[in-house]
Amino acid sequence: MEYNENSIPDEIIVKYSRSGKIIATATYSMFMILELFFLLGLKFKFNGTAIFVLLILLGFTDYFIFKIISEVKKISQIIISINGKGIPIKNNTRYLWNEIQLEKIIVKRLVSRESKHDY
């Protein structure tokens, strides 16, 4: 493949995996729906144990709602972007190109006991 300087964009943006966030949101939603069905199906005699169980279930419901909202917010968040000025990281720390030294590519190799080859 031939290198063409015009084919490289001015800025490369890396975001969270959209499919991963959708799967996480769907999982939390599924747990929340199951919990709501469980809550609606219970016939409560309001004693100490029933109120305690109800409070725990409502706490889990609040937790799942919070997790769903945080996962939806992360879909559009930028983790890292690379541009001509440097590399801004997600917490808005910008590393300028003249501050970056000794760049390395790190490779992690996984070896399976059943396989004769390294992956």
C-alpha atoms as a PDB file:
ATOM      1  CA  MET A   1       0.000   0.000   0.000  1.00  0.00           C
ATOM      2  CA  GLU A   2       1.354   3.383  -0.972  1.00  0.00           C
ATOM      3  CA  TYR A   3       1.538   6.146   1.622  1.00  0.00           C
ATOM      4  CA  ASN A   4      -0.384   9.266   0.696  1.00  0.00           C
ATOM      5  CA  GLU A   5      -0.103  12.232   3.060  1.00  0.00           C
ATOM      6  CA  ASN A   6      -3.471  13.596   1.945  1.00  0.00           C
ATOM      7  CA  SER A   7      -5.262  10.400   2.991  1.00  0.00           C
ATOM      8  CA  ILE A   8      -4.489  10.948   6.698  1.00  0.00           C
ATOM      9  CA  PRO A   9      -7.174  12.957   8.551  1.00  0.00           C
ATOM     10  CA  ASP A  10      -6.246  16.085  10.523  1.00  0.00           C
ATOM     11  CA  GLU A  11      -7.434  14.480  13.734  1.00  0.00           C
ATOM     12  CA  ILE A  12      -7.999  10.873  14.755  1.00  0.00           C
ATOM     13  CA  ILE A  13     -10.619  10.390  17.480  1.00  0.00           C
ATOM     14  CA  VAL A  14     -11.041   7.221  19.551  1.00  0.00           C
ATOM     15  CA  LYS A  15     -14.317   6.829  21.449  1.00  0.00           C
ATOM     16  CA  TYR A  16     -15.729   4.119  23.654  1.00  0.00           C
ATOM     17  CA  SER A  17     -16.972   1.034  21.836  1.00  0.00           C
ATOM     18  CA  ARG A  18     -20.545   1.762  20.811  1.00  0.00           C
ATOM     19  CA  SER A  19     -21.493  -1.913  20.656  1.00  0.00           C
ATOM     20  CA  GLY A  20     -19.985  -2.544  24.103  1.00  0.00           C
ATOM     21  CA  LYS A  21     -21.941   0.328  25.611  1.00  0.00           C
ATOM     22  CA  ILE A  22     -25.162  -0.836  23.912  1.00  0.00           C
ATOM     23  CA  ILE A  23     -24.677  -4.367  25.276  1.00  0.00           C
ATOM     24  CA  ALA A  24     -23.960  -3.012  28.775  1.00  0.00           C
ATOM     25  CA  THR A  25     -27.042  -0.756  28.615  1.00  0.00           C
ATOM     26  CA  ALA A  26     -29.211  -3.640  27.416  1.00  0.00           C
ATOM     27  CA  THR A  27     -27.911  -5.878  30.214  1.00  0.00           C
ATOM     28  CA  TYR A  28     -28.620  -3.279  32.906  1.00  0.00           C
ATOM     29  CA  SER A  29     -32.057  -2.654  31.372  1.00  0.00           C
ATOM     30  CA  MET A  30     -32.840  -6.363  31.398  1.00  0.00           C
ATOM     31  CA  PHE A  31     -31.928  -6.641  35.082  1.00  0.00           C
ATOM     32  CA  MET A  32     -33.988  -3.562  35.883  1.00  0.00           C
ATOM     33  CA  ILE A  33     -37.049  -4.894  34.019  1.00  0.00           C
ATOM     34  CA  LEU A  34     -36.762  -8.270  35.792  1.00  0.00           C
ATOM     35  CA  GLU A  35     -36.499  -6.468  39.104  1.00  0.00           C
ATOM     36  CA  LEU A  36     -39.550  -4.320  38.340  1.00  0.00           C
ATOM     37  CA  PHE A  37     -41.565  -7.437  37.411  1.00  0.00           C
ATOM     38  CA  PHE A  38     -40.454  -8.977  40.697  1.00  0.00           C
ATOM     39  CA  LEU A  39     -41.483  -5.848  42.607  1.00  0.00           C
ATOM     40  CA  LEU A  40     -44.888  -5.667  40.917  1.00  0.00           C
ATOM     41  CA  GLY A  41     -45.552  -9.368  41.481  1.00  0.00           C
ATOM     42  CA  LEU A  42     -44.948  -9.303  45.214  1.00  0.00           C
ATOM     43  CA  LYS A  43     -47.847  -9.208  47.630  1.00  0.00           C
ATOM     44  CA  PHE A  44     -46.515  -7.297  50.595  1.00  0.00           C
ATOM     45  CA  LYS A  45     -47.601  -7.613  54.171  1.00  0.00           C
ATOM     46  CA  PHE A  46     -45.853  -4.564  55.493  1.00  0.00           C
ATOM     47  CA  ASN A  47     -43.679  -5.923  58.240  1.00  0.00           C
ATOM     48  CA  GLY A  48     -40.006  -5.254  58.927  1.00  0.00           C
ATOM     49  CA  THR A  49     -38.652  -7.910  56.563  1.00  0.00           C
ATOM     50  CA  ALA A  50     -40.873  -6.861  53.653  1.00  0.00           C
ATOM     51  CA  ILE A  51     -39.899  -3.203  54.022  1.00  0.00           C
ATOM     52  CA  PHE A  52     -36.213  -4.186  54.176  1.00  0.00           C
ATOM     53  CA  VAL A  53     -36.523  -6.292  50.982  1.00  0.00           C
ATOM     54  CA  LEU A  54     -38.429  -3.473  49.282  1.00  0.00           C
ATOM     55  CA  LEU A  55     -35.735  -0.951  50.179  1.00  0.00           C
ATOM     56  CA  ILE A  56     -32.993  -3.260  48.859  1.00  0.00           C
ATOM     57  CA  LEU A  57     -34.884  -3.811  45.590  1.00  0.00           C
ATOM     58  CA  LEU A  58     -35.486  -0.071  45.191  1.00  0.00           C
ATOM     59  CA  GLY A  59     -31.787   0.513  45.839  1.00  0.00           C
ATOM     60  CA  PHE A  60     -30.881  -1.936  43.080  1.00  0.00           C
ATOM     61  CA  THR A  61     -33.364  -0.226  40.761  1.00  0.00           C
ATOM     62  CA  ASP A  62     -31.745   3.154  41.448  1.00  0.00           C
ATOM     63  CA  TYR A  63     -28.300   1.630  40.847  1.00  0.00           C
ATOM     64  CA  PHE A  64     -29.338   0.149  37.496  1.00  0.00           C
ATOM     65  CA  ILE A  65     -30.919   3.455  36.408  1.00  0.00           C
ATOM     66  CA  PHE A  66     -27.679   5.250  37.317  1.00  0.00           C
ATOM     67  CA  LYS A  67     -25.583   2.692  35.372  1.00  0.00           C
ATOM     68  CA  ILE A  68     -27.844   2.971  32.305  1.00  0.00           C
ATOM     69  CA  ILE A  69     -27.568   6.765  32.304  1.00  0.00           C
ATOM     70  CA  SER A  70     -23.777   6.654  32.736  1.00  0.00           C
ATOM     71  CA  GLU A  71     -23.392   4.102  29.905  1.00  0.00           C
ATOM     72  CA  VAL A  72     -25.511   6.231  27.554  1.00  0.00           C
ATOM     73  CA  LYS A  73     -23.408   9.302  28.386  1.00  0.00           C
ATOM     74  CA  LYS A  74     -20.172   7.404  27.641  1.00  0.00           C
ATOM     75  CA  ILE A  75     -21.246   6.519  24.080  1.00  0.00           C
ATOM     76  CA  SER A  76     -20.303   9.963  22.762  1.00  0.00           C
ATOM     77  CA  GLN A  77     -17.277  10.575  25.030  1.00  0.00           C
ATOM     78  CA  ILE A  78     -13.838  10.807  23.453  1.00  0.00           C
ATOM     79  CA  ILE A  79     -11.147   8.676  25.087  1.00  0.00           C
ATOM     80  CA  ILE A  80      -8.189   9.971  23.092  1.00  0.00           C
ATOM     81  CA  SER A  81      -7.600  12.055  20.013  1.00  0.00           C
ATOM     82  CA  ILE A  82      -4.417  12.531  18.018  1.00  0.00           C
ATOM     83  CA  ASN A  83      -3.858  15.712  16.043  1.00  0.00           C
ATOM     84  CA  GLY A  84      -1.042  17.925  14.791  1.00  0.00           C
ATOM     85  CA  LYS A  85      -0.614  19.678  18.150  1.00  0.00           C
ATOM     86  CA  GLY A  86      -0.339  16.565  20.285  1.00  0.00           C
ATOM     87  CA  ILE A  87      -2.390  13.968  22.052  1.00  0.00           C
ATOM     88  CA  PRO A  88      -5.227  15.154  24.305  1.00  0.00           C
ATOM     89  CA  ILE A  89      -6.376  12.412  26.670  1.00  0.00           C
ATOM     90  CA  LYS A  90      -9.974  12.051  27.932  1.00  0.00           C
ATOM     91  CA  ASN A  91      -9.338  14.012  31.148  1.00  0.00           C
ATOM     92  CA  ASN A  92      -8.294  17.017  28.969  1.00  0.00           C
ATOM     93  CA  THR A  93      -4.575  16.616  29.636  1.00  0.00           C
ATOM     94  CA  ARG A  94      -2.789  17.556  26.424  1.00  0.00           C
ATOM     95  CA  TYR A  95       0.612  16.070  25.659  1.00  0.00           C
ATOM     96  CA  LEU A  96       2.386  18.160  23.019  1.00  0.00           C
ATOM     97  CA  TRP A  97       4.542  16.408  20.445  1.00  0.00           C
ATOM     98  CA  ASN A  98       7.728  18.057  21.745  1.00  0.00           C
ATOM     99  CA  GLU A  99       6.986  16.570  25.214  1.00  0.00           C
ATOM    100  CA  ILE A 100       6.610  12.994  23.912  1.00  0.00           C
ATOM    101  CA  GLN A 101       9.802  10.927  23.813  1.00  0.00           C
ATOM    102  CA  LEU A 102      10.792   7.288  23.397  1.00  0.00           C
ATOM    103  CA  GLU A 103       7.596   6.116  21.720  1.00  0.00           C
ATOM    104  CA  LYS A 104       7.204   2.351  21.796  1.00  0.00           C
ATOM    105  CA  ILE A 105       4.724  -0.143  20.467  1.00  0.00           C
ATOM    106  CA  ILE A 106       3.927  -2.667  23.154  1.00  0.00           C
ATOM    107  CA  VAL A 107       2.748  -6.116  22.065  1.00  0.00           C
ATOM    108  CA  LYS A 108       1.128  -8.577  24.422  1.00  0.00           C
ATOM    109  CA  ARG A 109       1.410 -12.211  23.453  1.00  0.00           C
ATOM    110  CA  LEU A 110      -1.013 -14.792  24.725  1.00  0.00           C
ATOM    111  CA  VAL A 111       0.083 -18.422  24.720  1.00  0.00           C
ATOM    112  CA  SER A 112      -2.392 -21.254  24.923  1.00  0.00           C
ATOM    113  CA  ARG A 113      -1.227 -24.575  26.378  1.00  0.00           C
ATOM    114  CA  GLU A 114      -3.202 -26.481  23.738  1.00  0.00           C
ATOM    115  CA  SER A 115      -1.705 -24.527  20.833  1.00  0.00           C
ATOM    116  CA  LYS A 116       1.738 -24.912  19.314  1.00  0.00           C
ATOM    117  CA  HIS A 117       1.695 -21.308  18.138  1.00  0.00           C
ATOM    118  CA  ASP A 118       1.839 -17.990  19.938  1.00  0.00           C
ATOM    119  CA  TYR A 119      -1.052 -15.560  19.447  1.00  0.00           C
END
